[in-house]
């Protein structure tokens, strides 16, 4: 913390972080860890599938392209 900020906020502890109990500061608990884990697992699975079976990726791109072309017509 810079001296300028420390002088303006006298109640602030120089080494304060979100894990340290600082008066008048409420840190809400993290929510959505399950959704974050599922998203990361889905992204990792898609990446592994792209490396192991690239024809699935090509087929998915083909399906998306044909559906987009059908929407245009």
PDB file of N, CA and C in Angstrom:
ATOM      1  N   UNK A   1       0.848  -1.156   0.000  1.00  0.00           N
ATOM      2  CA  UNK A   1       0.000   0.000   0.000  1.00  0.00           C
ATOM      3  C   UNK A   1       0.901   1.229   0.000  1.00  0.00           C
ATOM      4  N   UNK A   2       0.565   2.181  -0.823  1.00  0.00           N
ATOM      5  CA  UNK A   2       1.392   3.379  -0.900  1.00  0.00           C
ATOM      6  C   UNK A   2       1.174   4.251   0.329  1.00  0.00           C
ATOM      7  N   UNK A   3       2.161   5.052   0.700  1.00  0.00           N
ATOM      8  CA  UNK A   3       1.990   5.930   1.863  1.00  0.00           C
ATOM      9  C   UNK A   3       0.841   6.913   1.677  1.00  0.00           C
ATOM     10  N   UNK A   4       0.599   7.324   0.439  1.00  0.00           N
ATOM     11  CA  UNK A   4      -0.474   8.281   0.161  1.00  0.00           C
ATOM     12  C   UNK A   4      -1.832   7.695   0.548  1.00  0.00           C
ATOM     13  N   UNK A   5      -2.090   6.463   0.155  1.00  0.00           N
ATOM     14  CA  UNK A   5      -3.347   5.808   0.472  1.00  0.00           C
ATOM     15  C   UNK A   5      -3.412   5.493   1.963  1.00  0.00           C
ATOM     16  N   UNK A   6      -2.315   5.074   2.523  1.00  0.00           N
ATOM     17  CA  UNK A   6      -2.293   4.742   3.954  1.00  0.00           C
ATOM     18  C   UNK A   6      -2.621   5.973   4.792  1.00  0.00           C
ATOM     19  N   UNK A   7      -2.157   7.143   4.374  1.00  0.00           N
ATOM     20  CA  UNK A   7      -2.450   8.362   5.118  1.00  0.00           C
ATOM     21  C   UNK A   7      -3.923   8.748   5.022  1.00  0.00           C
ATOM     22  N   UNK A   8      -4.562   8.467   3.880  1.00  0.00           N
ATOM     23  CA  UNK A   8      -5.971   8.812   3.711  1.00  0.00           C
ATOM     24  C   UNK A   8      -6.887   7.855   4.460  1.00  0.00           C
ATOM     25  N   UNK A   9      -6.472   6.624   4.639  1.00  0.00           N
ATOM     26  CA  UNK A   9      -7.288   5.624   5.317  1.00  0.00           C
ATOM     27  C   UNK A   9      -6.532   5.147   6.553  1.00  0.00           C
ATOM     28  N   UNK A  10      -6.664   5.836   7.676  1.00  0.00           N
ATOM     29  CA  UNK A  10      -5.865   5.486   8.846  1.00  0.00           C
ATOM     30  C   UNK A  10      -6.222   4.140   9.459  1.00  0.00           C
ATOM     31  N   UNK A  11      -7.419   3.626   9.228  1.00  0.00           N
ATOM     32  CA  UNK A  11      -7.800   2.342   9.808  1.00  0.00           C
ATOM     33  C   UNK A  11      -7.348   1.146   9.004  1.00  0.00           C
ATOM     34  N   UNK A  12      -6.705   1.368   7.878  1.00  0.00           N
ATOM     35  CA  UNK A  12      -6.303   0.283   6.999  1.00  0.00           C
ATOM     36  C   UNK A  12      -4.969  -0.288   7.450  1.00  0.00           C
ATOM     37  N   UNK A  13      -4.921  -1.599   7.526  1.00  0.00           N
ATOM     38  CA  UNK A  13      -3.688  -2.285   7.888  1.00  0.00           C
ATOM     39  C   UNK A  13      -2.850  -2.439   6.626  1.00  0.00           C
ATOM     40  N   UNK A  14      -1.551  -2.133   6.662  1.00  0.00           N
ATOM     41  CA  UNK A  14      -0.737  -2.212   5.445  1.00  0.00           C
ATOM     42  C   UNK A  14      -0.729  -3.585   4.788  1.00  0.00           C
ATOM     43  N   UNK A  15      -0.761  -4.678   5.552  1.00  0.00           N
ATOM     44  CA  UNK A  15      -0.701  -6.008   4.959  1.00  0.00           C
ATOM     45  C   UNK A  15      -2.048  -6.677   4.840  1.00  0.00           C
ATOM     46  N   UNK A  16      -3.133  -5.914   4.853  1.00  0.00           N
ATOM     47  CA  UNK A  16      -4.473  -6.496   4.853  1.00  0.00           C
ATOM     48  C   UNK A  16      -4.778  -7.152   3.515  1.00  0.00           C
ATOM     49  N   UNK A  17      -5.439  -8.282   3.593  1.00  0.00           N
ATOM     50  CA  UNK A  17      -5.924  -8.955   2.397  1.00  0.00           C
ATOM     51  C   UNK A  17      -7.322  -9.453   2.681  1.00  0.00           C
ATOM     52  N   UNK A  18      -7.920 -10.140   1.721  1.00  0.00           N
ATOM     53  CA  UNK A  18      -9.287 -10.639   1.895  1.00  0.00           C
ATOM     54  C   UNK A  18      -9.357 -11.725   2.954  1.00  0.00           C
ATOM     55  N   UNK A  19      -8.226 -12.399   3.230  1.00  0.00           N
ATOM     56  CA  UNK A  19      -8.238 -13.480   4.213  1.00  0.00           C
ATOM     57  C   UNK A  19      -8.076 -12.989   5.648  1.00  0.00           C
ATOM     58  N   UNK A  20      -7.612 -11.774   5.802  1.00  0.00           N
ATOM     59  CA  UNK A  20      -7.370 -11.224   7.131  1.00  0.00           C
ATOM     60  C   UNK A  20      -8.608 -10.470   7.576  1.00  0.00           C
ATOM     61  N   UNK A  21      -9.000 -10.648   8.832  1.00  0.00           N
ATOM     62  CA  UNK A  21     -10.163  -9.949   9.336  1.00  0.00           C
ATOM     63  C   UNK A  21      -9.890  -8.462   9.494  1.00  0.00           C
ATOM     64  N   UNK A  22     -10.467  -7.648   8.621  1.00  0.00           N
ATOM     65  CA  UNK A  22     -10.318  -6.205   8.675  1.00  0.00           C
ATOM     66  C   UNK A  22     -11.659  -5.641   9.118  1.00  0.00           C
ATOM     67  N   UNK A  23     -11.674  -4.767  10.110  1.00  0.00           N
ATOM     68  CA  UNK A  23     -12.944  -4.206  10.554  1.00  0.00           C
ATOM     69  C   UNK A  23     -13.648  -3.446   9.438  1.00  0.00           C
ATOM     70  N   UNK A  24     -14.960  -3.512   9.441  1.00  0.00           N
ATOM     71  CA  UNK A  24     -15.813  -2.806   8.475  1.00  0.00           C
ATOM     72  C   UNK A  24     -15.613  -3.272   7.040  1.00  0.00           C
ATOM     73  N   UNK A  25     -15.160  -4.491   6.842  1.00  0.00           N
ATOM     74  CA  UNK A  25     -15.043  -5.024   5.484  1.00  0.00           C
ATOM     75  C   UNK A  25     -15.620  -6.428   5.478  1.00  0.00           C
ATOM     76  N   UNK A  26     -16.712  -6.599   4.764  1.00  0.00           N
ATOM     77  CA  UNK A  26     -17.344  -7.900   4.654  1.00  0.00           C
ATOM     78  C   UNK A  26     -17.018  -8.489   3.292  1.00  0.00           C
ATOM     79  N   UNK A  27     -16.411  -9.646   3.279  1.00  0.00           N
ATOM     80  CA  UNK A  27     -16.088 -10.336   2.040  1.00  0.00           C
ATOM     81  C   UNK A  27     -17.109 -11.450   1.877  1.00  0.00           C
ATOM     82  N   UNK A  28     -17.931 -11.384   0.826  1.00  0.00           N
ATOM     83  CA  UNK A  28     -18.930 -12.434   0.656  1.00  0.00           C
ATOM     84  C   UNK A  28     -18.274 -13.762   0.316  1.00  0.00           C
ATOM     85  N   UNK A  29     -18.854 -14.858   0.754  1.00  0.00           N
ATOM     86  CA  UNK A  29     -18.275 -16.162   0.419  1.00  0.00           C
ATOM     87  C   UNK A  29     -18.390 -16.435  -1.075  1.00  0.00           C
ATOM     88  N   UNK A  30     -17.427 -17.176  -1.594  1.00  0.00           N
ATOM     89  CA  UNK A  30     -17.451 -17.529  -3.018  1.00  0.00           C
ATOM     90  C   UNK A  30     -18.576 -18.487  -3.290  1.00  0.00           C
ATOM     91  N   UNK A  31     -19.298 -18.234  -4.352  1.00  0.00           N
ATOM     92  CA  UNK A  31     -20.388 -19.111  -4.760  1.00  0.00           C
ATOM     93  C   UNK A  31     -20.109 -19.597  -6.173  1.00  0.00           C
ATOM     94  N   UNK A  32     -20.657 -20.713  -6.494  1.00  0.00           N
ATOM     95  CA  UNK A  32     -20.531 -21.221  -7.851  1.00  0.00           C
ATOM     96  C   UNK A  32     -19.320 -22.088  -8.082  1.00  0.00           C
ATOM     97  N   UNK A  33     -18.730 -22.637  -7.016  1.00  0.00           N
ATOM     98  CA  UNK A  33     -17.568 -23.490  -7.234  1.00  0.00           C
ATOM     99  C   UNK A  33     -17.925 -24.732  -8.044  1.00  0.00           C
ATOM    100  N   UNK A  34     -19.135 -25.240  -7.836  1.00  0.00           N
ATOM    101  CA  UNK A  34     -19.554 -26.435  -8.577  1.00  0.00           C
ATOM    102  C   UNK A  34     -19.692 -26.100 -10.050  1.00  0.00           C
ATOM    103  N   UNK A  35     -20.300 -24.957 -10.353  1.00  0.00           N
ATOM    104  CA  UNK A  35     -20.443 -24.563 -11.760  1.00  0.00           C
ATOM    105  C   UNK A  35     -19.086 -24.298 -12.397  1.00  0.00           C
ATOM    106  N   UNK A  36     -18.193 -23.692 -11.642  1.00  0.00           N
ATOM    107  CA  UNK A  36     -16.852 -23.437 -12.158  1.00  0.00           C
ATOM    108  C   UNK A  36     -16.135 -24.753 -12.451  1.00  0.00           C
ATOM    109  N   UNK A  37     -16.255 -25.722 -11.532  1.00  0.00           N
ATOM    110  CA  UNK A  37     -15.625 -27.019 -11.747  1.00  0.00           C
ATOM    111  C   UNK A  37     -16.214 -27.722 -12.959  1.00  0.00           C
ATOM    112  N   UNK A  38     -17.538 -27.694 -13.103  1.00  0.00           N
ATOM    113  CA  UNK A  38     -18.170 -28.351 -14.254  1.00  0.00           C
ATOM    114  C   UNK A  38     -17.756 -27.686 -15.565  1.00  0.00           C
ATOM    115  N   UNK A  39     -17.644 -26.377 -15.563  1.00  0.00           N
ATOM    116  CA  UNK A  39     -17.203 -25.679 -16.773  1.00  0.00           C
ATOM    117  C   UNK A  39     -15.777 -26.030 -17.143  1.00  0.00           C
ATOM    118  N   UNK A  40     -14.908 -26.085 -16.133  1.00  0.00           N
ATOM    119  CA  UNK A  40     -13.521 -26.463 -16.409  1.00  0.00           C
ATOM    120  C   UNK A  40     -13.421 -27.914 -16.875  1.00  0.00           C
ATOM    121  N   UNK A  41     -14.234 -28.787 -16.263  1.00  0.00           N
ATOM    122  CA  UNK A  41     -14.219 -30.195 -16.678  1.00  0.00           C
ATOM    123  C   UNK A  41     -14.727 -30.334 -18.113  1.00  0.00           C
ATOM    124  N   UNK A  42     -15.758 -29.574 -18.453  1.00  0.00           N
ATOM    125  CA  UNK A  42     -16.287 -29.620 -19.822  1.00  0.00           C
ATOM    126  C   UNK A  42     -15.258 -29.101 -20.823  1.00  0.00           C
ATOM    127  N   UNK A  43     -14.587 -28.003 -20.477  1.00  0.00           N
ATOM    128  CA  UNK A  43     -13.564 -27.456 -21.373  1.00  0.00           C
ATOM    129  C   UNK A  43     -12.384 -28.419 -21.514  1.00  0.00           C
ATOM    130  N   UNK A  44     -11.976 -29.042 -20.408  1.00  0.00           N
ATOM    131  CA  UNK A  44     -10.871 -30.000 -20.487  1.00  0.00           C
ATOM    132  C   UNK A  44     -11.267 -31.221 -21.299  1.00  0.00           C
ATOM    133  N   UNK A  45     -12.492 -31.684 -21.126  1.00  0.00           N
ATOM    134  CA  UNK A  45     -12.970 -32.824 -21.904  1.00  0.00           C
ATOM    135  C   UNK A  45     -13.040 -32.504 -23.387  1.00  0.00           C
ATOM    136  N   UNK A  46     -13.505 -31.315 -23.723  1.00  0.00           N
ATOM    137  CA  UNK A  46     -13.561 -30.912 -25.128  1.00  0.00           C
ATOM    138  C   UNK A  46     -12.166 -30.796 -25.722  1.00  0.00           C
ATOM    139  N   UNK A  47     -11.242 -30.260 -24.934  1.00  0.00           N
ATOM    140  CA  UNK A  47      -9.858 -30.163 -25.425  1.00  0.00           C
ATOM    141  C   UNK A  47      -9.235 -31.525 -25.637  1.00  0.00           C
ATOM    142  N   UNK A  48      -9.478 -32.441 -24.705  1.00  0.00           N
ATOM    143  CA  UNK A  48      -8.938 -33.801 -24.860  1.00  0.00           C
ATOM    144  C   UNK A  48      -9.585 -34.501 -26.046  1.00  0.00           C
ATOM    145  N   UNK A  49     -10.876 -34.300 -26.231  1.00  0.00           N
ATOM    146  CA  UNK A  49     -11.568 -34.918 -27.367  1.00  0.00           C
ATOM    147  C   UNK A  49     -11.045 -34.355 -28.676  1.00  0.00           C
ATOM    148  N   UNK A  50     -10.736 -33.067 -28.699  1.00  0.00           N
ATOM    149  CA  UNK A  50     -10.192 -32.458 -29.912  1.00  0.00           C
ATOM    150  C   UNK A  50      -8.831 -33.057 -30.256  1.00  0.00           C
ATOM    151  N   UNK A  51      -8.031 -33.366 -29.247  1.00  0.00           N
ATOM    152  CA  UNK A  51      -6.702 -33.923 -29.497  1.00  0.00           C
ATOM    153  C   UNK A  51      -6.803 -35.393 -29.888  1.00  0.00           C
ATOM    154  N   UNK A  52      -7.645 -36.150 -29.178  1.00  0.00           N
ATOM    155  CA  UNK A  52      -7.715 -37.594 -29.400  1.00  0.00           C
ATOM    156  C   UNK A  52      -8.512 -37.937 -30.657  1.00  0.00           C
ATOM    157  N   UNK A  53      -9.659 -37.274 -30.830  1.00  0.00           N
ATOM    158  CA  UNK A  53     -10.528 -37.583 -31.979  1.00  0.00           C
ATOM    159  C   UNK A  53     -10.880 -36.314 -32.743  1.00  0.00           C
ATOM    160  N   UNK A  54     -10.006 -35.805 -33.602  1.00  0.00           N
ATOM    161  CA  UNK A  54     -10.287 -34.537 -34.305  1.00  0.00           C
ATOM    162  C   UNK A  54     -11.466 -34.633 -35.278  1.00  0.00           C
ATOM    163  N   UNK A  55     -11.845 -35.838 -35.678  1.00  0.00           N
ATOM    164  CA  UNK A  55     -12.990 -35.945 -36.593  1.00  0.00           C
ATOM    165  C   UNK A  55     -14.291 -35.546 -35.916  1.00  0.00           C
ATOM    166  N   UNK A  56     -14.390 -35.692 -34.586  1.00  0.00           N
ATOM    167  CA  UNK A  56     -15.586 -35.224 -33.870  1.00  0.00           C
ATOM    168  C   UNK A  56     -15.680 -33.704 -33.937  1.00  0.00           C
ATOM    169  N   UNK A  57     -14.542 -33.039 -33.837  1.00  0.00           N
ATOM    170  CA  UNK A  57     -14.514 -31.581 -33.939  1.00  0.00           C
ATOM    171  C   UNK A  57     -14.961 -31.152 -35.329  1.00  0.00           C
ATOM    172  N   UNK A  58     -14.462 -31.827 -36.358  1.00  0.00           N
ATOM    173  CA  UNK A  58     -14.838 -31.494 -37.736  1.00  0.00           C
ATOM    174  C   UNK A  58     -16.321 -31.744 -37.956  1.00  0.00           C
ATOM    175  N   UNK A  59     -16.842 -32.823 -37.390  1.00  0.00           N
ATOM    176  CA  UNK A  59     -18.271 -33.106 -37.526  1.00  0.00           C
ATOM    177  C   UNK A  59     -19.111 -32.055 -36.806  1.00  0.00           C
ATOM    178  N   UNK A  60     -18.661 -31.605 -35.650  1.00  0.00           N
ATOM    179  CA  UNK A  60     -19.385 -30.558 -34.924  1.00  0.00           C
ATOM    180  C   UNK A  60     -19.401 -29.248 -35.685  1.00  0.00           C
ATOM    181  N   UNK A  61     -18.275 -28.895 -36.286  1.00  0.00           N
ATOM    182  CA  UNK A  61     -18.207 -27.678 -37.101  1.00  0.00           C
ATOM    183  C   UNK A  61     -19.126 -27.811 -38.301  1.00  0.00           C
ATOM    184  N   UNK A  62     -19.172 -28.988 -38.893  1.00  0.00           N
ATOM    185  CA  UNK A  62     -20.047 -29.215 -40.042  1.00  0.00           C
ATOM    186  C   UNK A  62     -21.517 -29.064 -39.648  1.00  0.00           C
ATOM    187  N   UNK A  63     -21.901 -29.614 -38.515  1.00  0.00           N
ATOM    188  CA  UNK A  63     -23.286 -29.507 -38.057  1.00  0.00           C
ATOM    189  C   UNK A  63     -23.655 -28.050 -37.798  1.00  0.00           C
ATOM    190  N   UNK A  64     -22.773 -27.312 -37.126  1.00  0.00           N
ATOM    191  CA  UNK A  64     -23.049 -25.899 -36.859  1.00  0.00           C
ATOM    192  C   UNK A  64     -23.139 -25.085 -38.153  1.00  0.00           C
ATOM    193  N   UNK A  65     -22.289 -25.396 -39.108  1.00  0.00           N
ATOM    194  CA  UNK A  65     -22.304 -24.669 -40.375  1.00  0.00           C
ATOM    195  C   UNK A  65     -23.580 -24.954 -41.154  1.00  0.00           C
ATOM    196  N   UNK A  66     -24.020 -26.203 -41.171  1.00  0.00           N
ATOM    197  CA  UNK A  66     -25.244 -26.532 -41.904  1.00  0.00           C
ATOM    198  C   UNK A  66     -26.471 -25.922 -41.225  1.00  0.00           C
ATOM    199  N   UNK A  67     -26.492 -25.877 -39.897  1.00  0.00           N
ATOM    200  CA  UNK A  67     -27.621 -25.247 -39.207  1.00  0.00           C
ATOM    201  C   UNK A  67     -27.633 -23.741 -39.445  1.00  0.00           C
ATOM    202  N   UNK A  68     -26.461 -23.120 -39.477  1.00  0.00           N
ATOM    203  CA  UNK A  68     -26.397 -21.692 -39.764  1.00  0.00           C
ATOM    204  C   UNK A  68     -26.843 -21.407 -41.194  1.00  0.00           C
ATOM    205  N   UNK A  69     -26.455 -22.275 -42.120  1.00  0.00           N
ATOM    206  CA  UNK A  69     -26.874 -22.095 -43.505  1.00  0.00           C
ATOM    207  C   UNK A  69     -28.372 -22.311 -43.643  1.00  0.00           C
ATOM    208  N   UNK A  70     -28.943 -23.222 -42.878  1.00  0.00           N
ATOM    209  CA  UNK A  70     -30.388 -23.457 -42.933  1.00  0.00           C
ATOM    210  C   UNK A  70     -31.146 -22.243 -42.378  1.00  0.00           C
ATOM    211  N   UNK A  71     -30.590 -21.565 -41.403  1.00  0.00           N
ATOM    212  CA  UNK A  71     -31.245 -20.372 -40.864  1.00  0.00           C
ATOM    213  C   UNK A  71     -31.242 -19.211 -41.860  1.00  0.00           C
ATOM    214  N   UNK A  72     -30.199 -19.158 -42.680  1.00  0.00           N
ATOM    215  CA  UNK A  72     -30.099 -18.087 -43.673  1.00  0.00           C
ATOM    216  C   UNK A  72     -31.145 -18.258 -44.762  1.00  0.00           C
ATOM    217  N   UNK A  73     -31.383 -19.499 -45.144  1.00  0.00           N
ATOM    218  CA  UNK A  73     -32.363 -19.758 -46.224  1.00  0.00           C
ATOM    219  C   UNK A  73     -33.697 -19.620 -45.654  1.00  0.00           C
TER     220      UNK A  73
END
